[in-house]
């Protein structure tokens, strides 16, 4: 049962990170990658300290999803450059 819940939470976490990356790149660009790095390291470290295997797994999935989001931010920038996603007109002018 716990394995199924871990799978469901993993699916949910990945699904949540998808729009976070898209909106994050739209409003802040790739300069927000350190936030994902710090959050990823934090969640992975917490995964080591939590003794309950279920919550350790969830924290680890969250951490690695944060780290994967760094790559996705840069790829999202390329998707915007190619015209696959809208460009934020205010970001070009230096506004957030």
PDB file of N, CA and C in Angstrom:
ATOM      1  N   UNK A   1       0.823  -1.204   0.000  1.00  0.00           N
ATOM      2  CA  UNK A   1       0.000   0.000   0.000  1.00  0.00           C
ATOM      3  C   UNK A   1       0.866   1.268   0.000  1.00  0.00           C
ATOM      4  N   UNK A   2       1.951   1.257   0.808  1.00  0.00           N
ATOM      5  CA  UNK A   2       2.808   2.444   0.862  1.00  0.00           C
ATOM      6  C   UNK A   2       3.470   2.717  -0.479  1.00  0.00           C
ATOM      7  N   UNK A   3       3.814   1.647  -1.199  1.00  0.00           N
ATOM      8  CA  UNK A   3       4.422   1.828  -2.513  1.00  0.00           C
ATOM      9  C   UNK A   3       3.483   2.534  -3.482  1.00  0.00           C
ATOM     10  N   UNK A   4       2.214   2.180  -3.430  1.00  0.00           N
ATOM     11  CA  UNK A   4       1.222   2.815  -4.292  1.00  0.00           C
ATOM     12  C   UNK A   4       1.077   4.291  -3.915  1.00  0.00           C
ATOM     13  N   UNK A   5       1.065   4.585  -2.626  1.00  0.00           N
ATOM     14  CA  UNK A   5       0.965   5.980  -2.180  1.00  0.00           C
ATOM     15  C   UNK A   5       2.197   6.784  -2.591  1.00  0.00           C
ATOM     16  N   UNK A   6       3.377   6.175  -2.476  1.00  0.00           N
ATOM     17  CA  UNK A   6       4.603   6.857  -2.917  1.00  0.00           C
ATOM     18  C   UNK A   6       4.505   7.154  -4.413  1.00  0.00           C
ATOM     19  N   UNK A   7       4.015   6.196  -5.182  1.00  0.00           N
ATOM     20  CA  UNK A   7       3.838   6.423  -6.615  1.00  0.00           C
ATOM     21  C   UNK A   7       2.855   7.539  -6.906  1.00  0.00           C
ATOM     22  N   UNK A   8       1.758   7.570  -6.167  1.00  0.00           N
ATOM     23  CA  UNK A   8       0.744   8.616  -6.365  1.00  0.00           C
ATOM     24  C   UNK A   8       1.303   9.989  -5.995  1.00  0.00           C
ATOM     25  N   UNK A   9       2.013  10.055  -4.869  1.00  0.00           N
ATOM     26  CA  UNK A   9       2.617  11.330  -4.467  1.00  0.00           C
ATOM     27  C   UNK A   9       3.670  11.781  -5.481  1.00  0.00           C
ATOM     28  N   UNK A  10       4.445  10.841  -5.994  1.00  0.00           N
ATOM     29  CA  UNK A  10       5.456  11.176  -7.005  1.00  0.00           C
ATOM     30  C   UNK A  10       4.791  11.766  -8.242  1.00  0.00           C
ATOM     31  N   UNK A  11       3.727  11.126  -8.693  1.00  0.00           N
ATOM     32  CA  UNK A  11       2.975  11.611  -9.843  1.00  0.00           C
ATOM     33  C   UNK A  11       2.446  13.025  -9.577  1.00  0.00           C
ATOM     34  N   UNK A  12       1.912  13.247  -8.390  1.00  0.00           N
ATOM     35  CA  UNK A  12       1.377  14.551  -8.013  1.00  0.00           C
ATOM     36  C   UNK A  12       2.476  15.616  -7.950  1.00  0.00           C
ATOM     37  N   UNK A  13       3.606  15.284  -7.349  1.00  0.00           N
ATOM     38  CA  UNK A  13       4.715  16.232  -7.226  1.00  0.00           C
ATOM     39  C   UNK A  13       5.226  16.640  -8.608  1.00  0.00           C
ATOM     40  N   UNK A  14       5.428  15.678  -9.479  1.00  0.00           N
ATOM     41  CA  UNK A  14       5.893  15.992 -10.835  1.00  0.00           C
ATOM     42  C   UNK A  14       4.862  16.858 -11.552  1.00  0.00           C
ATOM     43  N   UNK A  15       3.588  16.534 -11.382  1.00  0.00           N
ATOM     44  CA  UNK A  15       2.525  17.326 -12.004  1.00  0.00           C
ATOM     45  C   UNK A  15       2.478  18.752 -11.492  1.00  0.00           C
ATOM     46  N   UNK A  16       2.801  18.951 -10.227  1.00  0.00           N
ATOM     47  CA  UNK A  16       2.802  20.295  -9.646  1.00  0.00           C
ATOM     48  C   UNK A  16       4.013  21.094 -10.134  1.00  0.00           C
ATOM     49  N   UNK A  17       5.145  20.431 -10.274  1.00  0.00           N
ATOM     50  CA  UNK A  17       6.354  21.142 -10.687  1.00  0.00           C
ATOM     51  C   UNK A  17       6.292  21.617 -12.128  1.00  0.00           C
ATOM     52  N   UNK A  18       5.540  20.930 -12.974  1.00  0.00           N
ATOM     53  CA  UNK A  18       5.456  21.337 -14.381  1.00  0.00           C
ATOM     54  C   UNK A  18       4.983  22.794 -14.530  1.00  0.00           C
ATOM     55  N   UNK A  19       3.836  23.181 -13.968  1.00  0.00           N
ATOM     56  CA  UNK A  19       3.425  24.586 -14.109  1.00  0.00           C
ATOM     57  C   UNK A  19       4.299  25.549 -13.292  1.00  0.00           C
ATOM     58  N   UNK A  20       4.905  25.084 -12.203  1.00  0.00           N
ATOM     59  CA  UNK A  20       5.799  25.961 -11.433  1.00  0.00           C
ATOM     60  C   UNK A  20       6.982  26.384 -12.296  1.00  0.00           C
ATOM     61  N   UNK A  21       7.545  25.440 -13.038  1.00  0.00           N
ATOM     62  CA  UNK A  21       8.677  25.758 -13.919  1.00  0.00           C
ATOM     63  C   UNK A  21       8.238  26.718 -15.023  1.00  0.00           C
ATOM     64  N   UNK A  22       7.098  26.459 -15.622  1.00  0.00           N
ATOM     65  CA  UNK A  22       6.626  27.314 -16.720  1.00  0.00           C
ATOM     66  C   UNK A  22       6.372  28.732 -16.227  1.00  0.00           C
ATOM     67  N   UNK A  23       5.632  28.870 -15.131  1.00  0.00           N
ATOM     68  CA  UNK A  23       5.336  30.204 -14.598  1.00  0.00           C
ATOM     69  C   UNK A  23       6.585  30.873 -14.035  1.00  0.00           C
ATOM     70  N   UNK A  24       7.444  30.089 -13.405  1.00  0.00           N
ATOM     71  CA  UNK A  24       8.686  30.650 -12.859  1.00  0.00           C
ATOM     72  C   UNK A  24       9.557  31.245 -13.950  1.00  0.00           C
ATOM     73  N   UNK A  25       9.710  30.515 -15.056  1.00  0.00           N
ATOM     74  CA  UNK A  25      10.508  31.042 -16.165  1.00  0.00           C
ATOM     75  C   UNK A  25       9.838  32.257 -16.776  1.00  0.00           C
ATOM     76  N   UNK A  26       8.525  32.244 -16.862  1.00  0.00           N
ATOM     77  CA  UNK A  26       7.793  33.359 -17.461  1.00  0.00           C
ATOM     78  C   UNK A  26       8.010  34.646 -16.659  1.00  0.00           C
ATOM     79  N   UNK A  27       7.896  34.561 -15.340  1.00  0.00           N
ATOM     80  CA  UNK A  27       7.972  35.765 -14.512  1.00  0.00           C
ATOM     81  C   UNK A  27       9.390  36.122 -14.062  1.00  0.00           C
ATOM     82  N   UNK A  28      10.246  35.123 -13.871  1.00  0.00           N
ATOM     83  CA  UNK A  28      11.564  35.392 -13.288  1.00  0.00           C
ATOM     84  C   UNK A  28      12.724  34.960 -14.166  1.00  0.00           C
ATOM     85  N   UNK A  29      12.476  34.164 -15.181  1.00  0.00           N
ATOM     86  CA  UNK A  29      13.547  33.668 -16.027  1.00  0.00           C
ATOM     87  C   UNK A  29      14.329  32.561 -15.334  1.00  0.00           C
ATOM     88  N   UNK A  30      15.486  32.254 -15.895  1.00  0.00           N
ATOM     89  CA  UNK A  30      16.292  31.166 -15.344  1.00  0.00           C
ATOM     90  C   UNK A  30      17.059  31.579 -14.099  1.00  0.00           C
ATOM     91  N   UNK A  31      17.005  32.869 -13.760  1.00  0.00           N
ATOM     92  CA  UNK A  31      17.746  33.324 -12.582  1.00  0.00           C
ATOM     93  C   UNK A  31      17.180  32.791 -11.273  1.00  0.00           C
ATOM     94  N   UNK A  32      16.075  32.079 -11.336  1.00  0.00           N
ATOM     95  CA  UNK A  32      15.517  31.500 -10.111  1.00  0.00           C
ATOM     96  C   UNK A  32      16.040  30.090  -9.835  1.00  0.00           C
ATOM     97  N   UNK A  33      17.002  29.627 -10.645  1.00  0.00           N
ATOM     98  CA  UNK A  33      17.513  28.278 -10.450  1.00  0.00           C
ATOM     99  C   UNK A  33      18.121  28.051  -9.063  1.00  0.00           C
ATOM    100  N   UNK A  34      18.770  29.048  -8.419  1.00  0.00           N
ATOM    101  CA  UNK A  34      19.312  28.768  -7.082  1.00  0.00           C
ATOM    102  C   UNK A  34      18.237  28.414  -6.047  1.00  0.00           C
ATOM    103  N   UNK A  35      17.037  28.923  -6.227  1.00  0.00           N
ATOM    104  CA  UNK A  35      15.944  28.582  -5.316  1.00  0.00           C
ATOM    105  C   UNK A  35      15.651  27.084  -5.410  1.00  0.00           C
ATOM    106  N   UNK A  36      15.592  26.575  -6.634  1.00  0.00           N
ATOM    107  CA  UNK A  36      15.368  25.143  -6.819  1.00  0.00           C
ATOM    108  C   UNK A  36      16.536  24.333  -6.260  1.00  0.00           C
ATOM    109  N   UNK A  37      17.762  24.834  -6.415  1.00  0.00           N
ATOM    110  CA  UNK A  37      18.934  24.113  -5.916  1.00  0.00           C
ATOM    111  C   UNK A  37      18.911  24.009  -4.390  1.00  0.00           C
ATOM    112  N   UNK A  38      18.656  25.131  -3.725  1.00  0.00           N
ATOM    113  CA  UNK A  38      18.614  25.134  -2.258  1.00  0.00           C
ATOM    114  C   UNK A  38      17.473  24.260  -1.753  1.00  0.00           C
ATOM    115  N   UNK A  39      16.308  24.399  -2.369  1.00  0.00           N
ATOM    116  CA  UNK A  39      15.159  23.587  -1.951  1.00  0.00           C
ATOM    117  C   UNK A  39      15.436  22.105  -2.184  1.00  0.00           C
ATOM    118  N   UNK A  40      16.053  21.765  -3.315  1.00  0.00           N
ATOM    119  CA  UNK A  40      16.364  20.378  -3.605  1.00  0.00           C
ATOM    120  C   UNK A  40      17.322  19.778  -2.597  1.00  0.00           C
ATOM    121  N   UNK A  41      18.385  20.504  -2.281  1.00  0.00           N
ATOM    122  CA  UNK A  41      19.352  20.024  -1.292  1.00  0.00           C
ATOM    123  C   UNK A  41      18.686  19.886   0.071  1.00  0.00           C
ATOM    124  N   UNK A  42      17.850  20.847   0.431  1.00  0.00           N
ATOM    125  CA  UNK A  42      17.152  20.795   1.716  1.00  0.00           C
ATOM    126  C   UNK A  42      16.264  19.554   1.816  1.00  0.00           C
ATOM    127  N   UNK A  43      15.427  19.326   0.800  1.00  0.00           N
ATOM    128  CA  UNK A  43      14.507  18.185   0.846  1.00  0.00           C
ATOM    129  C   UNK A  43      15.250  16.851   0.837  1.00  0.00           C
ATOM    130  N   UNK A  44      16.321  16.761   0.072  1.00  0.00           N
ATOM    131  CA  UNK A  44      17.098  15.522   0.056  1.00  0.00           C
ATOM    132  C   UNK A  44      17.762  15.296   1.414  1.00  0.00           C
ATOM    133  N   UNK A  45      18.308  16.349   1.994  1.00  0.00           N
ATOM    134  CA  UNK A  45      18.908  16.219   3.326  1.00  0.00           C
ATOM    135  C   UNK A  45      17.869  15.787   4.345  1.00  0.00           C
ATOM    136  N   UNK A  46      16.676  16.356   4.274  1.00  0.00           N
ATOM    137  CA  UNK A  46      15.610  15.952   5.196  1.00  0.00           C
ATOM    138  C   UNK A  46      15.235  14.484   4.990  1.00  0.00           C
ATOM    139  N   UNK A  47      15.328  14.016   3.745  1.00  0.00           N
ATOM    140  CA  UNK A  47      15.053  12.618   3.464  1.00  0.00           C
ATOM    141  C   UNK A  47      16.002  11.682   4.203  1.00  0.00           C
ATOM    142  N   UNK A  48      17.228  12.142   4.463  1.00  0.00           N
ATOM    143  CA  UNK A  48      18.183  11.339   5.227  1.00  0.00           C
ATOM    144  C   UNK A  48      17.835  11.293   6.712  1.00  0.00           C
ATOM    145  N   UNK A  49      17.251  12.368   7.207  1.00  0.00           N
ATOM    146  CA  UNK A  49      16.998  12.475   8.642  1.00  0.00           C
ATOM    147  C   UNK A  49      15.657  11.887   9.090  1.00  0.00           C
ATOM    148  N   UNK A  50      14.715  11.814   8.195  1.00  0.00           N
ATOM    149  CA  UNK A  50      13.399  11.266   8.539  1.00  0.00           C
ATOM    150  C   UNK A  50      13.507   9.743   8.537  1.00  0.00           C
ATOM    151  N   UNK A  51      13.110   9.129   9.623  1.00  0.00           N
ATOM    152  CA  UNK A  51      13.278   7.678   9.741  1.00  0.00           C
ATOM    153  C   UNK A  51      12.144   6.882   9.103  1.00  0.00           C
ATOM    154  N   UNK A  52      10.958   7.445   9.034  1.00  0.00           N
ATOM    155  CA  UNK A  52       9.822   6.760   8.387  1.00  0.00           C
ATOM    156  C   UNK A  52      10.087   6.705   6.884  1.00  0.00           C
ATOM    157  N   UNK A  53      10.136   5.508   6.339  1.00  0.00           N
ATOM    158  CA  UNK A  53      10.512   5.300   4.948  1.00  0.00           C
ATOM    159  C   UNK A  53       9.576   6.015   3.974  1.00  0.00           C
ATOM    160  N   UNK A  54       8.288   6.045   4.281  1.00  0.00           N
ATOM    161  CA  UNK A  54       7.320   6.705   3.402  1.00  0.00           C
ATOM    162  C   UNK A  54       7.653   8.186   3.250  1.00  0.00           C
ATOM    163  N   UNK A  55       7.819   8.883   4.375  1.00  0.00           N
ATOM    164  CA  UNK A  55       8.079  10.321   4.322  1.00  0.00           C
ATOM    165  C   UNK A  55       9.485  10.618   3.808  1.00  0.00           C
ATOM    166  N   UNK A  56      10.418   9.735   4.084  1.00  0.00           N
ATOM    167  CA  UNK A  56      11.759   9.887   3.540  1.00  0.00           C
ATOM    168  C   UNK A  56      11.718   9.825   2.010  1.00  0.00           C
ATOM    169  N   UNK A  57      10.944   8.898   1.487  1.00  0.00           N
ATOM    170  CA  UNK A  57      10.809   8.768   0.035  1.00  0.00           C
ATOM    171  C   UNK A  57      10.139   9.993  -0.570  1.00  0.00           C
ATOM    172  N   UNK A  58       9.094  10.484   0.068  1.00  0.00           N
ATOM    173  CA  UNK A  58       8.382  11.659  -0.445  1.00  0.00           C
ATOM    174  C   UNK A  58       9.306  12.881  -0.448  1.00  0.00           C
ATOM    175  N   UNK A  59      10.043  13.083   0.631  1.00  0.00           N
ATOM    176  CA  UNK A  59      10.980  14.210   0.700  1.00  0.00           C
ATOM    177  C   UNK A  59      12.063  14.082  -0.367  1.00  0.00           C
ATOM    178  N   UNK A  60      12.540  12.881  -0.583  1.00  0.00           N
ATOM    179  CA  UNK A  60      13.570  12.665  -1.597  1.00  0.00           C
ATOM    180  C   UNK A  60      13.041  12.929  -2.997  1.00  0.00           C
ATOM    181  N   UNK A  61      11.834  12.477  -3.273  1.00  0.00           N
ATOM    182  CA  UNK A  61      11.214  12.750  -4.579  1.00  0.00           C
ATOM    183  C   UNK A  61      11.051  14.255  -4.770  1.00  0.00           C
ATOM    184  N   UNK A  62      10.635  14.935  -3.718  1.00  0.00           N
ATOM    185  CA  UNK A  62      10.493  16.390  -3.784  1.00  0.00           C
ATOM    186  C   UNK A  62      11.847  17.046  -4.075  1.00  0.00           C
ATOM    187  N   UNK A  63      12.881  16.590  -3.381  1.00  0.00           N
ATOM    188  CA  UNK A  63      14.212  17.155  -3.577  1.00  0.00           C
ATOM    189  C   UNK A  63      14.741  16.943  -4.978  1.00  0.00           C
ATOM    190  N   UNK A  64      14.630  15.732  -5.473  1.00  0.00           N
ATOM    191  CA  UNK A  64      15.130  15.464  -6.814  1.00  0.00           C
ATOM    192  C   UNK A  64      14.273  16.138  -7.886  1.00  0.00           C
ATOM    193  N   UNK A  65      13.003  16.340  -7.614  1.00  0.00           N
ATOM    194  CA  UNK A  65      12.154  17.100  -8.541  1.00  0.00           C
ATOM    195  C   UNK A  65      12.598  18.555  -8.593  1.00  0.00           C
ATOM    196  N   UNK A  66      12.988  19.095  -7.454  1.00  0.00           N
ATOM    197  CA  UNK A  66      13.518  20.463  -7.435  1.00  0.00           C
ATOM    198  C   UNK A  66      14.793  20.556  -8.269  1.00  0.00           C
ATOM    199  N   UNK A  67      15.688  19.593  -8.094  1.00  0.00           N
ATOM    200  CA  UNK A  67      16.935  19.614  -8.862  1.00  0.00           C
ATOM    201  C   UNK A  67      16.680  19.426 -10.353  1.00  0.00           C
ATOM    202  N   UNK A  68      15.750  18.565 -10.702  1.00  0.00           N
ATOM    203  CA  UNK A  68      15.405  18.363 -12.115  1.00  0.00           C
ATOM    204  C   UNK A  68      14.800  19.638 -12.710  1.00  0.00           C
ATOM    205  N   UNK A  69      14.116  20.403 -11.882  1.00  0.00           N
ATOM    206  CA  UNK A  69      13.487  21.640 -12.350  1.00  0.00           C
ATOM    207  C   UNK A  69      14.513  22.671 -12.811  1.00  0.00           C
ATOM    208  N   UNK A  70      15.724  22.587 -12.308  1.00  0.00           N
ATOM    209  CA  UNK A  70      16.790  23.494 -12.772  1.00  0.00           C
ATOM    210  C   UNK A  70      17.017  23.271 -14.262  1.00  0.00           C
ATOM    211  N   UNK A  71      17.178  22.020 -14.648  1.00  0.00           N
ATOM    212  CA  UNK A  71      17.343  21.694 -16.064  1.00  0.00           C
ATOM    213  C   UNK A  71      16.122  22.137 -16.861  1.00  0.00           C
ATOM    214  N   UNK A  72      14.936  21.888 -16.312  1.00  0.00           N
ATOM    215  CA  UNK A  72      13.709  22.245 -17.015  1.00  0.00           C
ATOM    216  C   UNK A  72      13.565  23.756 -17.207  1.00  0.00           C
ATOM    217  N   UNK A  73      14.070  24.553 -16.268  1.00  0.00           N
ATOM    218  CA  UNK A  73      14.033  26.016 -16.428  1.00  0.00           C
ATOM    219  C   UNK A  73      14.792  26.441 -17.682  1.00  0.00           C
ATOM    220  N   UNK A  74      15.993  25.891 -17.857  1.00  0.00           N
ATOM    221  CA  UNK A  74      16.801  26.245 -19.023  1.00  0.00           C
ATOM    222  C   UNK A  74      16.185  25.703 -20.308  1.00  0.00           C
ATOM    223  N   UNK A  75      15.591  24.526 -20.226  1.00  0.00           N
ATOM    224  CA  UNK A  75      14.906  24.003 -21.404  1.00  0.00           C
ATOM    225  C   UNK A  75      13.649  24.810 -21.712  1.00  0.00           C
ATOM    226  N   UNK A  76      12.970  25.289 -20.680  1.00  0.00           N
ATOM    227  CA  UNK A  76      11.793  26.132 -20.884  1.00  0.00           C
ATOM    228  C   UNK A  76      12.182  27.429 -21.582  1.00  0.00           C
ATOM    229  N   UNK A  77      13.330  27.984 -21.221  1.00  0.00           N
ATOM    230  CA  UNK A  77      13.811  29.193 -21.890  1.00  0.00           C
ATOM    231  C   UNK A  77      13.973  28.930 -23.388  1.00  0.00           C
ATOM    232  N   UNK A  78      14.486  27.761 -23.743  1.00  0.00           N
ATOM    233  CA  UNK A  78      14.639  27.418 -25.158  1.00  0.00           C
ATOM    234  C   UNK A  78      13.284  27.218 -25.828  1.00  0.00           C
ATOM    235  N   UNK A  79      12.341  26.631 -25.122  1.00  0.00           N
ATOM    236  CA  UNK A  79      10.995  26.459 -25.698  1.00  0.00           C
ATOM    237  C   UNK A  79      10.348  27.815 -25.956  1.00  0.00           C
ATOM    238  N   UNK A  80      10.581  28.773 -25.067  1.00  0.00           N
ATOM    239  CA  UNK A  80      10.058  30.127 -25.266  1.00  0.00           C
ATOM    240  C   UNK A  80      10.747  30.770 -26.468  1.00  0.00           C
ATOM    241  N   UNK A  81      12.059  30.599 -26.552  1.00  0.00           N
ATOM    242  CA  UNK A  81      12.822  31.167 -27.668  1.00  0.00           C
ATOM    243  C   UNK A  81      12.327  30.623 -29.012  1.00  0.00           C
ATOM    244  N   UNK A  82      11.946  29.354 -29.031  1.00  0.00           N
ATOM    245  CA  UNK A  82      11.442  28.726 -30.258  1.00  0.00           C
ATOM    246  C   UNK A  82       9.991  29.110 -30.555  1.00  0.00           C
ATOM    247  N   UNK A  83       9.334  29.791 -29.610  1.00  0.00           N
ATOM    248  CA  UNK A  83       7.962  30.213 -29.825  1.00  0.00           C
ATOM    249  C   UNK A  83       6.920  29.204 -29.389  1.00  0.00           C
ATOM    250  N   UNK A  84       7.333  28.161 -28.697  1.00  0.00           N
ATOM    251  CA  UNK A  84       6.391  27.136 -28.255  1.00  0.00           C
ATOM    252  C   UNK A  84       5.582  27.594 -27.058  1.00  0.00           C
ATOM    253  N   UNK A  85       6.123  28.542 -26.291  1.00  0.00           N
ATOM    254  CA  UNK A  85       5.451  29.110 -25.127  1.00  0.00           C
ATOM    255  C   UNK A  85       5.534  30.622 -25.236  1.00  0.00           C
ATOM    256  N   UNK A  86       4.583  31.347 -24.631  1.00  0.00           N
ATOM    257  CA  UNK A  86       4.599  32.811 -24.739  1.00  0.00           C
ATOM    258  C   UNK A  86       5.762  33.421 -23.968  1.00  0.00           C
ATOM    259  N   UNK A  87       6.271  34.529 -24.519  1.00  0.00           N
ATOM    260  CA  UNK A  87       7.325  35.288 -23.872  1.00  0.00           C
ATOM    261  C   UNK A  87       6.679  36.377 -23.029  1.00  0.00           C
ATOM    262  N   UNK A  88       7.225  36.634 -21.860  1.00  0.00           N
ATOM    263  CA  UNK A  88       6.717  37.699 -20.993  1.00  0.00           C
ATOM    264  C   UNK A  88       7.254  39.027 -21.523  1.00  0.00           C
ATOM    265  N   UNK A  89       6.386  39.904 -22.039  1.00  0.00           N
ATOM    266  CA  UNK A  89       6.874  41.175 -22.596  1.00  0.00           C
ATOM    267  C   UNK A  89       7.480  42.091 -21.537  1.00  0.00           C
ATOM    268  N   UNK A  90       7.037  41.988 -20.307  1.00  0.00           N
ATOM    269  CA  UNK A  90       7.572  42.836 -19.246  1.00  0.00           C
ATOM    270  C   UNK A  90       8.954  42.385 -18.788  1.00  0.00           C
ATOM    271  N   UNK A  91       9.246  41.121 -18.909  1.00  0.00           N
ATOM    272  CA  UNK A  91      10.539  40.598 -18.469  1.00  0.00           C
ATOM    273  C   UNK A  91      11.653  41.179 -19.331  1.00  0.00           C
ATOM    274  N   UNK A  92      11.416  41.403 -20.592  1.00  0.00           N
ATOM    275  CA  UNK A  92      12.402  41.954 -21.509  1.00  0.00           C
ATOM    276  C   UNK A  92      12.806  43.365 -21.124  1.00  0.00           C
ATOM    277  N   UNK A  93      11.869  44.108 -20.551  1.00  0.00           N
ATOM    278  CA  UNK A  93      12.128  45.491 -20.162  1.00  0.00           C
ATOM    279  C   UNK A  93      12.752  45.587 -18.777  1.00  0.00           C
ATOM    280  N   UNK A  94      13.060  44.461 -18.176  1.00  0.00           N
ATOM    281  CA  UNK A  94      13.671  44.484 -16.853  1.00  0.00           C
ATOM    282  C   UNK A  94      12.672  44.443 -15.719  1.00  0.00           C
ATOM    283  N   UNK A  95      11.400  44.351 -16.052  1.00  0.00           N
ATOM    284  CA  UNK A  95      10.369  44.274 -15.007  1.00  0.00           C
ATOM    285  C   UNK A  95      10.127  42.814 -14.647  1.00  0.00           C
ATOM    286  N   UNK A  96       9.692  42.595 -13.418  1.00  0.00           N
ATOM    287  CA  UNK A  96       9.346  41.232 -13.023  1.00  0.00           C
ATOM    288  C   UNK A  96       7.878  41.066 -13.031  1.00  0.00           C
TER     289      UNK A  96
END
